[in-house]
């Protein structure tokens, strides 16, 4: 059974502005030990997949930067979307191309923008998921993160019948809850976090796509057989933007009957704001998170990030986020770091796309 990994590296999030921009998504930022989130995701998968069986799907405008970040990957393993149409369409396009290259392949779908450790537990769960598919080719597998707490920022999966150690039928998918509901989920022991990572046979997921999103199926199948040709790329560019924007959860997973969840007992972090660096990076003696050229005196519990050789010097400040990029500097209270969208909306109102 050919096993292929697909890293979903789409999106152009600005939650780590001013370093992340529309043309420079956060998964390409080298924030952790000089490595990008995409690089870390790729290296994590090498414990299970050979290099030539790892693919990346992302916006076509980001493929050149991804090729620089992952020079080991064959160029044919980089799949470009003309525009973002959410995960259902990205999964469909990747599955169609993988199925043509490796008929009958099993495909794992993995995120590019999360921090996951230890790698050994991640690998164990992935192999367990693929074993389920080998035994039951028609199942759809999702990986559920064992909750570290009652998070209100995560979707949840309610486990059903146990089929083995750490393997259950999916009873229900749940949207992000409020805090009392999240606490109830945790107390019940029936729920795990929805990781957004999956595994299935390509032909199986394409059957579901054909049933639920027939237009998407027609489009991706029409280009997959001649993916390397300019004609196929042009056809995709014309038709892909008209496809319904929908996630794979809403389009397929919540309607399918034969869905299994495999527990992934790992430490899992989403770098959704600058203050989230505190969870994955060791602070200095004063509790400051520092990246780049920074000198801080009598400063406590700040996040200081400087791009290039620009020096950030701070004294007598606490609980701030200061991020300097090549053309913009962010200064805000750490408590306001989650409200970055409000600031970016005002910047766009005044300056258009210049700093987007």
Protein backbone atom coordinates (compact mmCIF):
# COMPACT_ATOMS: atom_id res chain seq x y z
CA UNK A 1 0.00 0.00 0.00
CA UNK A 2 1.54 3.29 -1.13
CA UNK A 3 1.40 5.85 1.67
CA UNK A 4 1.54 9.55 0.84
CA UNK A 5 1.57 12.59 3.13
CA UNK A 6 0.01 15.87 2.05
CA UNK A 7 0.86 18.99 4.05
CA UNK A 8 -1.86 21.64 3.89
CA UNK A 9 0.11 24.88 3.74
CA UNK A 10 -2.58 27.18 2.39
CA UNK A 11 -3.84 30.36 3.93
CA UNK A 12 -2.29 33.78 4.20
CA UNK A 13 -2.97 34.52 7.81
CA UNK A 14 -1.89 37.80 9.36
CA UNK A 15 -2.18 36.76 13.00
CA UNK A 16 1.59 37.19 13.35
CA UNK A 17 1.68 40.55 11.59
CA UNK A 18 3.89 42.38 10.72
CA UNK A 19 6.07 39.34 9.96
CA UNK A 20 3.25 37.29 8.46
CA UNK A 21 1.55 38.89 5.48
CA UNK A 22 -0.75 37.81 2.67
CA UNK A 23 2.30 36.92 0.62
CA UNK A 24 4.27 35.49 3.53
CA UNK A 25 2.14 33.15 5.67
CA UNK A 26 3.12 32.29 9.22
CA UNK A 27 4.09 28.71 8.31
CA UNK A 28 7.09 30.13 6.43
CA UNK A 29 8.37 32.25 9.33
CA UNK A 30 11.53 30.89 10.94
CA UNK A 31 10.60 31.57 14.53
CA UNK A 32 11.49 28.34 16.33
CA UNK A 33 15.16 27.45 16.43
CA UNK A 34 15.70 29.01 13.03
CA UNK A 35 13.16 26.66 11.43
CA UNK A 36 9.76 27.44 9.96
CA UNK A 37 6.56 25.69 11.02
CA UNK A 38 6.40 24.16 7.54
CA UNK A 39 9.93 22.82 7.88
CA UNK A 40 9.11 21.32 11.28
CA UNK A 41 5.98 19.70 9.86
CA UNK A 42 7.97 18.18 6.99
CA UNK A 43 10.69 16.84 9.30
CA UNK A 44 8.05 15.37 11.62
CA UNK A 45 6.64 13.34 8.72
CA UNK A 46 10.01 11.90 7.70
CA UNK A 47 9.62 9.40 10.54
CA UNK A 48 6.80 7.76 8.57
CA UNK A 49 7.08 8.78 4.92
CA UNK A 50 10.02 8.85 2.48
CA UNK A 51 10.85 12.26 1.08
CA UNK A 52 9.47 11.47 -2.37
CA UNK A 53 6.07 10.59 -0.85
CA UNK A 54 5.56 13.95 0.89
CA UNK A 55 3.56 16.59 -0.99
CA UNK A 56 2.60 20.16 -0.12
CA UNK A 57 -0.55 21.94 -1.31
CA UNK A 58 -0.60 25.72 -0.97
CA UNK A 59 -1.49 28.88 -2.80
CA UNK A 60 0.26 28.98 -6.16
CA UNK A 61 1.81 32.33 -5.23
CA UNK A 62 3.63 30.68 -2.30
CA UNK A 63 5.13 27.69 -4.14
CA UNK A 64 8.41 29.42 -4.99
CA UNK A 65 9.02 30.26 -1.32
CA UNK A 66 8.04 26.73 -0.29
CA UNK A 67 10.50 25.28 -2.81
CA UNK A 68 13.25 27.34 -1.15
CA UNK A 69 12.11 26.23 2.31
CA UNK A 70 11.92 22.54 1.34
CA UNK A 71 14.49 22.07 -1.44
CA UNK A 72 14.51 18.30 -0.88
CA UNK A 73 10.99 17.89 -2.28
CA UNK A 74 10.61 17.03 -5.97
CA UNK A 75 8.99 19.96 -7.81
CA UNK A 76 6.13 17.67 -8.87
CA UNK A 77 5.22 17.26 -5.19
CA UNK A 78 4.27 20.94 -4.85
CA UNK A 79 0.60 21.49 -5.70
CA UNK A 80 -0.61 25.04 -6.26
CA UNK A 81 -4.16 26.27 -5.73
CA UNK A 82 -5.15 29.28 -7.86
CA UNK A 83 -6.96 30.68 -4.81
CA UNK A 84 -8.07 29.49 -1.40
CA UNK A 85 -11.39 27.62 -1.39
CA UNK A 86 -11.07 26.02 2.07
CA UNK A 87 -10.01 22.50 2.96
CA UNK A 88 -12.61 20.40 1.11
CA UNK A 89 -11.45 21.64 -2.28
CA UNK A 90 -7.77 21.46 -1.34
CA UNK A 91 -8.21 17.86 -0.15
CA UNK A 92 -10.07 16.97 -3.34
CA UNK A 93 -7.39 18.46 -5.59
CA UNK A 94 -4.57 16.77 -3.70
CA UNK A 95 -6.38 13.41 -3.58
CA UNK A 96 -7.07 13.46 -7.32
CA UNK A 97 -3.44 14.22 -8.17
CA UNK A 98 -2.10 11.64 -5.70
CA UNK A 99 -4.52 9.00 -7.01
CA UNK A 100 -3.28 9.52 -10.58
CA UNK A 101 0.39 9.32 -9.56
CA UNK A 102 -0.02 6.48 -7.07
CA UNK A 103 -3.23 4.54 -7.86
CA UNK A 104 -4.82 3.06 -4.73
CA UNK A 105 -2.65 5.17 -2.41
CA UNK A 106 -3.53 5.99 1.17
CA UNK A 107 -3.17 9.69 1.89
CA UNK A 108 -2.54 11.42 5.19
CA UNK A 109 -3.49 15.09 5.46
CA UNK A 110 -1.43 17.15 7.89
CA UNK A 111 -1.27 20.76 9.04
CA UNK A 112 1.67 23.08 8.41
CA UNK A 113 1.14 25.67 11.12
CA UNK A 114 1.05 23.79 14.42
CA UNK A 115 3.75 22.87 16.93
CA UNK A 116 3.52 19.19 17.88
CA UNK A 117 5.69 17.17 20.26
CA UNK A 118 6.99 14.64 21.01
CA UNK A 119 7.47 13.39 17.46
CA UNK A 120 7.48 9.75 18.58
CA UNK A 121 3.87 9.96 19.78
CA UNK A 122 2.81 11.75 16.63
CA UNK A 123 4.41 9.03 14.51
CA UNK A 124 2.78 6.29 16.60
CA UNK A 125 -0.68 7.78 16.06
CA UNK A 126 -0.15 8.27 12.31
CA UNK A 127 0.97 4.67 11.89
CA UNK A 128 -2.03 3.54 13.92
CA UNK A 129 -4.36 5.46 11.63
CA UNK A 130 -2.84 3.92 8.52
CA UNK A 131 -3.14 0.46 10.08
CA UNK A 132 -6.88 1.02 10.50
CA UNK A 133 -7.20 1.91 6.82
CA UNK A 134 -5.19 -1.13 5.77
CA UNK A 135 -7.61 -3.32 7.74
CA UNK A 136 -10.75 -1.38 6.73
CA UNK A 137 -10.16 0.37 3.36
CA UNK A 138 -13.48 2.23 3.36
CA UNK A 139 -12.97 4.15 6.63
CA UNK A 140 -12.15 7.82 7.01
CA UNK A 141 -9.71 8.48 9.84
CA UNK A 142 -9.37 11.69 11.78
CA UNK A 143 -6.74 12.26 14.44
CA UNK A 144 -7.99 13.56 17.79
CA UNK A 145 -5.69 15.44 20.14
CA UNK A 146 -5.99 14.28 23.75
CA UNK A 147 -7.14 17.54 25.43
CA UNK A 148 -4.71 19.38 27.67
CA UNK A 149 -7.54 21.49 29.11
CA UNK A 150 -11.01 22.92 28.46
CA UNK A 151 -10.09 24.95 25.38
CA UNK A 152 -12.70 27.25 23.84
CA UNK A 153 -10.56 27.75 20.74
CA UNK A 154 -10.79 24.18 19.48
CA UNK A 155 -13.43 22.11 17.74
CA UNK A 156 -14.17 18.80 19.47
CA UNK A 157 -14.88 15.20 18.47
CA UNK A 158 -17.15 13.03 20.58
CA UNK A 159 -15.88 9.47 20.68
CA UNK A 160 -18.25 6.54 20.24
CA UNK A 161 -17.68 2.79 20.31
CA UNK A 162 -14.13 1.72 21.13
CA UNK A 163 -12.53 -0.45 18.43
CA UNK A 164 -9.15 -0.80 20.08
CA UNK A 165 -6.73 1.09 22.28
CA UNK A 166 -7.02 4.74 21.30
CA UNK A 167 -9.35 4.01 18.37
CA UNK A 168 -13.08 4.87 18.39
CA UNK A 169 -15.93 5.42 16.03
CA UNK A 170 -16.81 9.10 15.75
CA UNK A 171 -20.11 9.87 17.38
CA UNK A 172 -20.29 13.59 16.67
CA UNK A 173 -18.28 16.62 15.60
CA UNK A 174 -18.73 19.71 17.77
CA UNK A 175 -17.98 23.36 17.06
CA UNK A 176 -15.87 25.52 19.38
CA UNK A 177 -17.71 25.59 22.74
CA UNK A 178 -18.07 28.18 25.46
CA UNK A 179 -16.07 27.59 28.64
CA UNK A 180 -18.74 25.74 30.68
CA UNK A 181 -19.39 23.41 27.75
CA UNK A 182 -15.67 22.83 27.23
CA UNK A 183 -15.31 21.91 30.90
CA UNK A 184 -18.23 19.48 30.59
CA UNK A 185 -16.63 17.90 27.52
CA UNK A 186 -13.38 17.41 29.39
CA UNK A 187 -15.06 16.00 32.50
CA UNK A 188 -17.00 13.43 30.46
CA UNK A 189 -13.86 11.84 29.05
CA UNK A 190 -15.68 11.30 25.75
CA UNK A 191 -14.16 14.16 23.77
CA UNK A 192 -10.90 15.01 22.06
CA UNK A 193 -9.78 18.08 20.14
CA UNK A 194 -10.30 18.13 16.39
CA UNK A 195 -6.77 18.32 14.97
CA UNK A 196 -7.71 18.96 11.34
CA UNK A 197 -5.49 16.01 10.35
CA UNK A 198 -6.84 12.98 8.51
CA UNK A 199 -6.04 9.76 6.64
CA UNK A 200 -7.95 7.78 4.00
CA UNK A 201 -7.58 5.98 0.72
CA UNK A 202 -7.64 8.49 -2.11
CA UNK A 203 -10.36 6.59 -3.97
CA UNK A 204 -12.49 6.52 -0.81
CA UNK A 205 -12.34 10.25 -0.12
CA UNK A 206 -12.92 11.00 -3.81
CA UNK A 207 -16.12 8.92 -3.70
CA UNK A 208 -17.32 11.09 -0.81
CA UNK A 209 -16.33 14.27 -2.66
CA UNK A 210 -18.21 13.10 -5.76
CA UNK A 211 -21.32 12.51 -3.67
CA UNK A 212 -21.19 15.70 -1.60
CA UNK A 213 -19.43 18.15 -3.97
CA UNK A 214 -19.97 16.92 -7.54
CA UNK A 215 -18.73 20.14 -9.14
CA UNK A 216 -15.51 20.00 -7.17
CA UNK A 217 -15.07 16.36 -8.16
CA UNK A 218 -15.53 17.17 -11.84
CA UNK A 219 -13.03 20.03 -11.72
CA UNK A 220 -10.24 18.18 -9.91
CA UNK A 221 -10.60 15.01 -11.95
CA UNK A 222 -10.51 16.99 -15.18
CA UNK A 223 -7.06 18.37 -14.35
CA UNK A 224 -5.44 15.56 -12.35
CA UNK A 225 -4.63 13.28 -15.28
CA UNK A 226 -2.62 16.01 -17.03
CA UNK A 227 -1.58 18.04 -14.01
CA UNK A 228 1.85 18.93 -15.37
CA UNK A 229 0.40 20.56 -18.49
CA UNK A 230 -0.22 24.28 -18.88
CA UNK A 231 -3.67 23.50 -20.25
CA UNK A 232 -4.70 21.77 -17.02
CA UNK A 233 -3.39 24.64 -14.88
CA UNK A 234 -5.29 27.15 -16.98
CA UNK A 235 -8.48 25.13 -16.69
CA UNK A 236 -8.09 24.99 -12.91
CA UNK A 237 -7.43 28.74 -12.74
CA UNK A 238 -10.68 29.39 -14.60
CA UNK A 239 -12.93 26.97 -12.68
CA UNK A 240 -11.48 26.66 -9.17
CA UNK A 241 -12.51 30.14 -7.95
CA UNK A 242 -16.16 29.30 -8.67
CA UNK A 243 -16.19 26.25 -6.39
CA UNK A 244 -18.11 26.39 -3.12
CA UNK A 245 -15.85 27.47 -0.25
CA UNK A 246 -16.33 24.78 2.42
CA UNK A 247 -14.25 22.80 4.92
CA UNK A 248 -13.74 19.05 4.67
CA UNK A 249 -15.44 18.69 8.07
CA UNK A 250 -18.66 20.35 6.92
CA UNK A 251 -18.60 18.88 3.42
CA UNK A 252 -17.76 15.26 4.21
CA UNK A 253 -16.74 14.25 7.73
CA UNK A 254 -19.93 15.30 9.52
CA UNK A 255 -22.07 13.36 7.03
CA UNK A 256 -20.00 10.20 6.58
CA UNK A 257 -20.91 7.11 8.57
CA UNK A 258 -17.67 5.17 8.65
CA UNK A 259 -15.44 7.67 10.45
CA UNK A 260 -12.87 6.66 13.05
CA UNK A 261 -10.90 8.85 15.43
CA UNK A 262 -7.40 7.81 16.45
CA UNK A 263 -6.10 9.43 19.62
CA UNK A 264 -2.94 11.50 19.26
CA UNK A 265 -1.50 12.00 22.74
CA UNK A 266 0.82 14.91 22.01
CA UNK A 267 1.53 18.44 23.13
CA UNK A 268 -0.17 20.55 20.49
CA UNK A 269 0.02 24.31 20.02
CA UNK A 270 -1.47 26.68 17.48
CA UNK A 271 0.64 29.82 17.07
CA UNK A 272 -2.40 32.02 16.68
CA UNK A 273 -0.91 35.14 18.24
CA UNK A 274 2.44 36.53 19.33
CA UNK A 275 1.76 35.67 22.96
CA UNK A 276 1.33 32.00 21.95
CA UNK A 277 5.13 31.89 21.58
CA UNK A 278 5.27 31.69 25.38
CA UNK A 279 3.96 28.13 25.24
CA UNK A 280 6.61 26.85 22.84
CA UNK A 281 9.70 28.97 23.46
CA UNK A 282 11.77 29.34 26.60
CA UNK A 283 11.79 32.85 28.03
CA UNK A 284 14.79 34.62 29.52
CA UNK A 285 15.31 35.10 33.26
CA UNK A 286 12.78 37.96 33.27
CA UNK A 287 10.16 35.99 31.35
CA UNK A 288 10.74 37.76 28.03
CA UNK A 289 10.38 35.88 24.75
CA UNK A 290 13.18 37.15 22.52
CA UNK A 291 13.89 36.53 18.84
CA UNK A 292 16.44 38.51 16.84
CA UNK A 293 18.58 41.47 17.90
CA UNK A 294 17.14 42.56 21.25
CA UNK A 295 18.57 44.26 24.35
CA UNK A 296 16.20 44.51 27.32
CA UNK A 297 16.86 46.00 30.79
CA UNK A 298 14.41 45.88 33.69
CA UNK A 299 11.82 44.47 31.27
CA UNK A 300 9.51 41.63 32.24
CA UNK A 301 7.11 39.23 30.49
CA UNK A 302 7.36 40.85 27.07
CA UNK A 303 7.55 39.43 23.57
CA UNK A 304 10.36 41.05 21.54
CA UNK A 305 10.92 40.03 17.92
CA UNK A 306 13.20 41.79 15.45
CA UNK A 307 13.71 40.84 11.82
CA UNK A 308 17.10 41.19 10.17
CA UNK A 309 19.86 43.15 11.90
CA UNK A 310 17.61 45.87 13.35
CA UNK A 311 18.12 46.28 17.10
CA UNK A 312 15.13 46.48 19.43
CA UNK A 313 16.13 48.08 22.77
CA UNK A 314 13.67 48.19 25.67
CA UNK A 315 13.85 49.34 29.27
CA UNK A 316 11.38 49.40 32.14
CA UNK A 317 8.44 47.87 30.28
CA UNK A 318 6.26 44.86 31.02
CA UNK A 319 3.62 42.76 29.27
CA UNK A 320 4.19 44.25 25.82
CA UNK A 321 4.49 42.76 22.35
CA UNK A 322 7.06 44.52 20.15
CA UNK A 323 7.67 43.11 16.68
CA UNK A 324 9.85 44.87 14.12
CA UNK A 325 9.79 43.88 10.45
CA UNK A 326 11.45 45.34 7.37
CA UNK A 327 8.75 48.01 6.92
CA UNK A 328 6.46 48.00 9.98
CA UNK A 329 6.64 47.77 13.76
CA UNK A 330 3.93 46.44 16.06
CA UNK A 331 3.67 47.65 19.66
CA UNK A 332 0.75 46.53 21.80
CA UNK A 333 -0.12 45.24 25.22
CA UNK A 334 0.18 41.47 25.42
CA UNK A 335 -3.47 41.36 26.48
CA UNK A 336 -4.46 42.93 23.15
CA UNK A 337 -2.42 40.62 20.91
CA UNK A 338 -5.53 38.59 20.01
CA UNK A 339 -7.22 41.74 18.65
CA UNK A 340 -4.77 42.27 15.83
CA UNK A 341 -7.51 42.07 13.20
CA UNK A 342 -8.96 45.37 14.45
CA UNK A 343 -5.63 47.13 14.02
CA UNK A 344 -5.05 45.61 10.59
CA UNK A 345 -8.47 46.77 9.43
CA UNK A 346 -7.58 50.34 10.39
CA UNK A 347 -4.16 50.08 8.72
CA UNK A 348 -5.82 48.85 5.53
CA UNK A 349 -8.37 51.68 5.69
CA UNK A 350 -5.58 54.25 5.84
CA UNK A 351 -2.89 52.64 3.67
CA UNK A 352 -4.68 50.13 1.45
CA UNK A 353 -2.73 46.93 0.74
CA UNK A 354 0.70 48.46 1.34
CA UNK A 355 1.24 46.68 4.68
CA UNK A 356 -1.15 43.75 4.18
